[in-house]
């Protein structure tokens, strides 16, 4: 399932955070591996990590979770922000 994972430079982060957007309709994002290719993303995960050393560890845990199709399906089927936050809290540590 295509998903978008925009993130910024750690030097501009005032407070580390993770924001999850679940789109009712797919939105177009450019593929990282093929920038000319447009992918229809229904899940947008925005990562802001102020600690440059911790960035890779968090990103690794996040990618492991997002590689799990069953997990992504659960997130897309969740009916509230609280449910989505609980899913991520249990899976991404």
C-alpha atoms as a PDB file:
ATOM      1  CA  UNK A   1       0.000   0.000   0.000  1.00  0.00           C
ATOM      2  CA  UNK A   2       1.485   3.370  -0.953  1.00  0.00           C
ATOM      3  CA  UNK A   3       1.912   5.756   1.941  1.00  0.00           C
ATOM      4  CA  UNK A   4       3.589   9.114   2.367  1.00  0.00           C
ATOM      5  CA  UNK A   5       6.322   9.735   4.912  1.00  0.00           C
ATOM      6  CA  UNK A   6       7.289  13.422   4.729  1.00  0.00           C
ATOM      7  CA  UNK A   7       9.850  14.526   7.286  1.00  0.00           C
ATOM      8  CA  UNK A   8      12.007  17.535   7.984  1.00  0.00           C
ATOM      9  CA  UNK A   9      15.479  18.394   9.158  1.00  0.00           C
ATOM     10  CA  UNK A  10      16.096  17.855  12.896  1.00  0.00           C
ATOM     11  CA  UNK A  11      17.563  21.331  13.335  1.00  0.00           C
ATOM     12  CA  UNK A  12      14.133  22.869  12.695  1.00  0.00           C
ATOM     13  CA  UNK A  13      12.235  20.636  15.149  1.00  0.00           C
ATOM     14  CA  UNK A  14      11.260  22.328  18.416  1.00  0.00           C
ATOM     15  CA  UNK A  15       9.504  19.274  19.843  1.00  0.00           C
ATOM     16  CA  UNK A  16       9.583  15.691  18.576  1.00  0.00           C
ATOM     17  CA  UNK A  17       6.235  14.445  17.314  1.00  0.00           C
ATOM     18  CA  UNK A  18       4.500  11.959  15.065  1.00  0.00           C
ATOM     19  CA  UNK A  19       1.354  12.930  13.161  1.00  0.00           C
ATOM     20  CA  UNK A  20      -0.779  10.440  11.252  1.00  0.00           C
ATOM     21  CA  UNK A  21      -3.184  11.411   8.513  1.00  0.00           C
ATOM     22  CA  UNK A  22      -5.755   8.971   7.167  1.00  0.00           C
ATOM     23  CA  UNK A  23      -7.151  10.129   3.834  1.00  0.00           C
ATOM     24  CA  UNK A  24     -10.711   9.341   2.776  1.00  0.00           C
ATOM     25  CA  UNK A  25      -9.545   9.423  -0.831  1.00  0.00           C
ATOM     26  CA  UNK A  26      -6.005   8.688  -2.050  1.00  0.00           C
ATOM     27  CA  UNK A  27      -3.801  11.737  -2.526  1.00  0.00           C
ATOM     28  CA  UNK A  28      -0.873  11.865  -4.971  1.00  0.00           C
ATOM     29  CA  UNK A  29       2.699  11.713  -3.674  1.00  0.00           C
ATOM     30  CA  UNK A  30       5.941  11.273  -5.595  1.00  0.00           C
ATOM     31  CA  UNK A  31       7.723   7.943  -5.163  1.00  0.00           C
ATOM     32  CA  UNK A  32      11.057   8.211  -3.327  1.00  0.00           C
ATOM     33  CA  UNK A  33      12.676   5.608  -5.560  1.00  0.00           C
ATOM     34  CA  UNK A  34      11.183   6.984  -8.783  1.00  0.00           C
ATOM     35  CA  UNK A  35      10.461  10.712  -8.309  1.00  0.00           C
ATOM     36  CA  UNK A  36       8.604  10.965 -11.626  1.00  0.00           C
ATOM     37  CA  UNK A  37       6.164   8.261 -10.498  1.00  0.00           C
ATOM     38  CA  UNK A  38       3.028   9.375  -8.624  1.00  0.00           C
ATOM     39  CA  UNK A  39       1.578   7.041  -5.981  1.00  0.00           C
ATOM     40  CA  UNK A  40      -1.931   7.199  -4.460  1.00  0.00           C
ATOM     41  CA  UNK A  41      -1.363   7.440  -0.691  1.00  0.00           C
ATOM     42  CA  UNK A  42      -4.166   6.939   1.829  1.00  0.00           C
ATOM     43  CA  UNK A  43      -1.924   7.088   4.866  1.00  0.00           C
ATOM     44  CA  UNK A  44       0.397  10.026   5.613  1.00  0.00           C
ATOM     45  CA  UNK A  45       2.828   9.711   8.511  1.00  0.00           C
ATOM     46  CA  UNK A  46       4.689  12.900   9.375  1.00  0.00           C
ATOM     47  CA  UNK A  47       7.782  12.556  11.517  1.00  0.00           C
ATOM     48  CA  UNK A  48       9.490  15.367  13.428  1.00  0.00           C
ATOM     49  CA  UNK A  49      12.453  14.259  15.544  1.00  0.00           C
ATOM     50  CA  UNK A  50      14.700  16.807  17.231  1.00  0.00           C
ATOM     51  CA  UNK A  51      17.448  14.339  18.163  1.00  0.00           C
ATOM     52  CA  UNK A  52      19.461  13.579  14.993  1.00  0.00           C
ATOM     53  CA  UNK A  53      20.896  10.408  16.567  1.00  0.00           C
ATOM     54  CA  UNK A  54      17.457   9.144  17.594  1.00  0.00           C
ATOM     55  CA  UNK A  55      15.947   9.896  14.183  1.00  0.00           C
ATOM     56  CA  UNK A  56      17.230   6.713  12.531  1.00  0.00           C
ATOM     57  CA  UNK A  57      16.087   4.475  15.385  1.00  0.00           C
ATOM     58  CA  UNK A  58      12.570   5.918  15.379  1.00  0.00           C
ATOM     59  CA  UNK A  59      12.420   5.803  11.584  1.00  0.00           C
ATOM     60  CA  UNK A  60      13.499   2.133  11.660  1.00  0.00           C
ATOM     61  CA  UNK A  61      10.717   1.205  14.119  1.00  0.00           C
ATOM     62  CA  UNK A  62       8.221   3.200  12.113  1.00  0.00           C
ATOM     63  CA  UNK A  63       9.214   1.531   8.831  1.00  0.00           C
ATOM     64  CA  UNK A  64       8.944  -1.921  10.436  1.00  0.00           C
ATOM     65  CA  UNK A  65       5.396  -1.091  11.526  1.00  0.00           C
ATOM     66  CA  UNK A  66       4.402   0.371   8.158  1.00  0.00           C
ATOM     67  CA  UNK A  67       5.793  -2.649   6.302  1.00  0.00           C
ATOM     68  CA  UNK A  68       3.165  -4.748   8.122  1.00  0.00           C
ATOM     69  CA  UNK A  69       0.146  -4.712   5.793  1.00  0.00           C
ATOM     70  CA  UNK A  70      -2.197  -5.942   8.528  1.00  0.00           C
ATOM     71  CA  UNK A  71      -1.126  -3.042  10.752  1.00  0.00           C
ATOM     72  CA  UNK A  72      -1.683  -0.503   7.951  1.00  0.00           C
ATOM     73  CA  UNK A  73      -5.105  -2.002   7.264  1.00  0.00           C
ATOM     74  CA  UNK A  74      -5.994  -1.679  10.972  1.00  0.00           C
ATOM     75  CA  UNK A  75      -4.941   1.978  10.924  1.00  0.00           C
ATOM     76  CA  UNK A  76      -7.052   2.670   7.832  1.00  0.00           C
ATOM     77  CA  UNK A  77     -10.044   0.909   9.402  1.00  0.00           C
ATOM     78  CA  UNK A  78      -9.691   2.660  12.789  1.00  0.00           C
ATOM     79  CA  UNK A  79     -12.642   4.922  13.544  1.00  0.00           C
ATOM     80  CA  UNK A  80     -10.977   7.560  15.724  1.00  0.00           C
ATOM     81  CA  UNK A  81      -7.748   9.409  16.325  1.00  0.00           C
ATOM     82  CA  UNK A  82      -7.495   7.749  19.718  1.00  0.00           C
ATOM     83  CA  UNK A  83      -7.692   4.293  18.118  1.00  0.00           C
ATOM     84  CA  UNK A  84      -4.987   5.212  15.606  1.00  0.00           C
ATOM     85  CA  UNK A  85      -2.747   6.626  18.349  1.00  0.00           C
ATOM     86  CA  UNK A  86      -3.188   3.410  20.356  1.00  0.00           C
ATOM     87  CA  UNK A  87      -2.245   1.265  17.373  1.00  0.00           C
ATOM     88  CA  UNK A  88       0.951   3.261  16.803  1.00  0.00           C
ATOM     89  CA  UNK A  89       1.814   3.381  20.508  1.00  0.00           C
ATOM     90  CA  UNK A  90       1.599  -0.415  20.716  1.00  0.00           C
ATOM     91  CA  UNK A  91       3.537  -1.058  17.508  1.00  0.00           C
ATOM     92  CA  UNK A  92       6.172   1.717  17.382  1.00  0.00           C
ATOM     93  CA  UNK A  93       8.326   1.803  20.505  1.00  0.00           C
END
